[in-house]
Amino acid sequence: MSTWTDRARLYIRGRAFLLDLGEEVAFYTESGPKRARYLLVGKLSLPERLRLGLPREGVLHYPLAVDPLAFEWEGETLILPGLRVYLGGPPAFVETPYYAWRL
């Protein structure tokens, strides 16, 4: 297990995959640079998202219709269908249409 996964908390809430990184982190994403403490994956309605108790700012949300249990860790990379989150820094090449890496 990497140091990132040792410090992060993972939650599965209904149809949502939620990773709490414990602190706000700078990311580079497919849509440019962002800062986030939380990584949220799942197609959620506004009431479902509000029930998670997340702040309006600091959430990197990918509204993908994926099974929240269909994830893997490969070193410091979180792998979900269509999404890769590289917590260890930028990859040699991007493998999916949606991605984020820690700056």
C-alpha atoms as a PDB file:
ATOM      1  CA  MET A   1       0.000   0.000   0.000  1.00  0.00           C
ATOM      2  CA  SER A   2       1.358   3.422  -0.878  1.00  0.00           C
ATOM      3  CA  THR A   3       1.785   6.294   1.529  1.00  0.00           C
ATOM      4  CA  TRP A   4      -1.134   8.055  -0.140  1.00  0.00           C
ATOM      5  CA  THR A   5      -3.552   5.232   0.504  1.00  0.00           C
ATOM      6  CA  ASP A   6      -2.269   5.004   4.079  1.00  0.00           C
ATOM      7  CA  ARG A   7      -3.309   8.630   4.645  1.00  0.00           C
ATOM      8  CA  ALA A   8      -6.502   8.717   2.550  1.00  0.00           C
ATOM      9  CA  ARG A   9      -9.925   7.444   3.553  1.00  0.00           C
ATOM     10  CA  LEU A  10     -12.071   5.564   1.097  1.00  0.00           C
ATOM     11  CA  TYR A  11     -15.866   5.499   1.329  1.00  0.00           C
ATOM     12  CA  ILE A  12     -18.465   3.756  -0.793  1.00  0.00           C
ATOM     13  CA  ARG A  13     -21.833   5.444  -0.322  1.00  0.00           C
ATOM     14  CA  GLY A  14     -24.591   3.950  -2.463  1.00  0.00           C
ATOM     15  CA  ARG A  15     -23.559   4.659  -6.050  1.00  0.00           C
ATOM     16  CA  ALA A  16     -20.687   6.947  -5.055  1.00  0.00           C
ATOM     17  CA  PHE A  17     -16.968   6.323  -4.686  1.00  0.00           C
ATOM     18  CA  LEU A  18     -15.484   8.933  -2.349  1.00  0.00           C
ATOM     19  CA  LEU A  19     -11.813   9.370  -1.518  1.00  0.00           C
ATOM     20  CA  ASP A  20     -10.923  11.835   1.250  1.00  0.00           C
ATOM     21  CA  LEU A  21      -7.272  12.820   0.840  1.00  0.00           C
ATOM     22  CA  GLY A  22      -7.171  14.497   4.253  1.00  0.00           C
ATOM     23  CA  GLU A  23      -5.926  17.811   2.878  1.00  0.00           C
ATOM     24  CA  GLU A  24      -6.417  19.941  -0.194  1.00  0.00           C
ATOM     25  CA  VAL A  25      -4.131  18.844  -3.039  1.00  0.00           C
ATOM     26  CA  ALA A  26      -3.271  20.503  -6.371  1.00  0.00           C
ATOM     27  CA  PHE A  27      -4.205  18.360  -9.379  1.00  0.00           C
ATOM     28  CA  TYR A  28      -3.864  18.655 -13.123  1.00  0.00           C
ATOM     29  CA  THR A  29      -6.967  17.226 -14.829  1.00  0.00           C
ATOM     30  CA  GLU A  30      -8.261  16.797 -18.367  1.00  0.00           C
ATOM     31  CA  SER A  31      -9.948  20.203 -17.909  1.00  0.00           C
ATOM     32  CA  GLY A  32      -6.959  22.007 -16.393  1.00  0.00           C
ATOM     33  CA  PRO A  33      -5.543  22.600 -12.895  1.00  0.00           C
ATOM     34  CA  LYS A  34      -7.786  22.177  -9.845  1.00  0.00           C
ATOM     35  CA  ARG A  35      -7.459  21.927  -6.071  1.00  0.00           C
ATOM     36  CA  ALA A  36      -9.418  19.308  -4.149  1.00  0.00           C
ATOM     37  CA  ARG A  37      -9.504  17.415  -0.883  1.00  0.00           C
ATOM     38  CA  TYR A  38     -12.196  15.007  -2.054  1.00  0.00           C
ATOM     39  CA  LEU A  39     -12.414  12.831  -5.152  1.00  0.00           C
ATOM     40  CA  LEU A  40     -16.020  11.863  -5.925  1.00  0.00           C
ATOM     41  CA  VAL A  41     -16.943   9.421  -8.689  1.00  0.00           C
ATOM     42  CA  GLY A  42     -20.534   8.587  -9.574  1.00  0.00           C
ATOM     43  CA  LYS A  43     -23.647   9.940 -11.236  1.00  0.00           C
ATOM     44  CA  LEU A  44     -25.390  11.608  -8.326  1.00  0.00           C
ATOM     45  CA  SER A  45     -28.373  13.900  -8.090  1.00  0.00           C
ATOM     46  CA  LEU A  46     -27.924  17.137  -6.141  1.00  0.00           C
ATOM     47  CA  PRO A  47     -29.786  15.746  -3.073  1.00  0.00           C
ATOM     48  CA  GLU A  48     -27.568  12.618  -3.113  1.00  0.00           C
ATOM     49  CA  ARG A  49     -24.457  14.775  -3.269  1.00  0.00           C
ATOM     50  CA  LEU A  50     -25.688  17.015  -0.452  1.00  0.00           C
ATOM     51  CA  ARG A  51     -26.359  13.974   1.751  1.00  0.00           C
ATOM     52  CA  LEU A  52     -22.658  13.145   1.551  1.00  0.00           C
ATOM     53  CA  GLY A  53     -21.969  16.371   3.459  1.00  0.00           C
ATOM     54  CA  LEU A  54     -19.299  17.586   1.054  1.00  0.00           C
ATOM     55  CA  PRO A  55     -18.365  21.257   0.746  1.00  0.00           C
ATOM     56  CA  ARG A  56     -19.107  23.145  -2.469  1.00  0.00           C
ATOM     57  CA  GLU A  57     -15.397  23.809  -3.052  1.00  0.00           C
ATOM     58  CA  GLY A  58     -12.558  21.299  -2.987  1.00  0.00           C
ATOM     59  CA  VAL A  59     -14.368  18.373  -4.614  1.00  0.00           C
ATOM     60  CA  LEU A  60     -13.044  16.834  -7.821  1.00  0.00           C
ATOM     61  CA  HIS A  61     -16.237  15.199  -9.169  1.00  0.00           C
ATOM     62  CA  TYR A  62     -16.342  12.760 -12.064  1.00  0.00           C
ATOM     63  CA  PRO A  63     -20.008  11.982 -12.883  1.00  0.00           C
ATOM     64  CA  LEU A  64     -19.291   8.559 -14.381  1.00  0.00           C
ATOM     65  CA  ALA A  65     -21.829   5.748 -14.220  1.00  0.00           C
ATOM     66  CA  VAL A  66     -19.481   3.131 -12.757  1.00  0.00           C
ATOM     67  CA  ASP A  67     -19.802   0.507 -10.075  1.00  0.00           C
ATOM     68  CA  PRO A  68     -18.081   2.167  -7.087  1.00  0.00           C
ATOM     69  CA  LEU A  69     -16.619  -1.196  -6.117  1.00  0.00           C
ATOM     70  CA  ALA A  70     -14.984  -1.621  -9.545  1.00  0.00           C
ATOM     71  CA  PHE A  71     -11.734   0.079  -8.598  1.00  0.00           C
ATOM     72  CA  GLU A  72      -8.121  -1.038  -8.281  1.00  0.00           C
ATOM     73  CA  TRP A  73      -4.906   0.400  -6.874  1.00  0.00           C
ATOM     74  CA  GLU A  74      -1.766   0.040  -8.930  1.00  0.00           C
ATOM     75  CA  GLY A  75       1.055   1.547  -6.886  1.00  0.00           C
ATOM     76  CA  GLU A  76      -0.051   5.152  -6.343  1.00  0.00           C
ATOM     77  CA  THR A  77      -2.609   5.068  -9.160  1.00  0.00           C
ATOM     78  CA  LEU A  78      -6.329   4.736  -8.558  1.00  0.00           C
ATOM     79  CA  ILE A  79      -7.993   2.929 -11.462  1.00  0.00           C
ATOM     80  CA  LEU A  80     -11.697   3.149 -12.263  1.00  0.00           C
ATOM     81  CA  PRO A  81     -13.360   2.463 -15.631  1.00  0.00           C
ATOM     82  CA  GLY A  82     -12.595   5.526 -17.775  1.00  0.00           C
ATOM     83  CA  LEU A  83     -10.634   7.330 -15.037  1.00  0.00           C
ATOM     84  CA  ARG A  84      -7.099   7.241 -13.651  1.00  0.00           C
ATOM     85  CA  VAL A  85      -5.953   9.285 -10.661  1.00  0.00           C
ATOM     86  CA  TYR A  86      -2.170   9.416 -10.393  1.00  0.00           C
ATOM     87  CA  LEU A  87      -1.487  10.364  -6.777  1.00  0.00           C
ATOM     88  CA  GLY A  88       2.263   9.939  -7.214  1.00  0.00           C
ATOM     89  CA  GLY A  89       2.594  12.574  -9.929  1.00  0.00           C
ATOM     90  CA  PRO A  90       2.280  12.775 -13.709  1.00  0.00           C
ATOM     91  CA  PRO A  91       2.307   9.534 -15.706  1.00  0.00           C
ATOM     92  CA  ALA A  92       4.477   8.796 -18.719  1.00  0.00           C
ATOM     93  CA  PHE A  93       1.274   8.819 -20.802  1.00  0.00           C
ATOM     94  CA  VAL A  94      -2.443   9.162 -20.065  1.00  0.00           C
ATOM     95  CA  GLU A  95      -4.468   5.986 -20.529  1.00  0.00           C
ATOM     96  CA  THR A  96      -8.063   7.200 -20.154  1.00  0.00           C
ATOM     97  CA  PRO A  97     -10.297  10.087 -21.251  1.00  0.00           C
ATOM     98  CA  TYR A  98     -10.615  11.282 -17.638  1.00  0.00           C
ATOM     99  CA  TYR A  99      -7.538  11.697 -15.485  1.00  0.00           C
ATOM    100  CA  ALA A 100      -5.973  13.685 -12.697  1.00  0.00           C
ATOM    101  CA  TRP A 101      -2.457  13.746 -11.353  1.00  0.00           C
ATOM    102  CA  ARG A 102      -1.018  15.378  -8.294  1.00  0.00           C
ATOM    103  CA  LEU A 103       1.114  18.443  -9.002  1.00  0.00           C
END
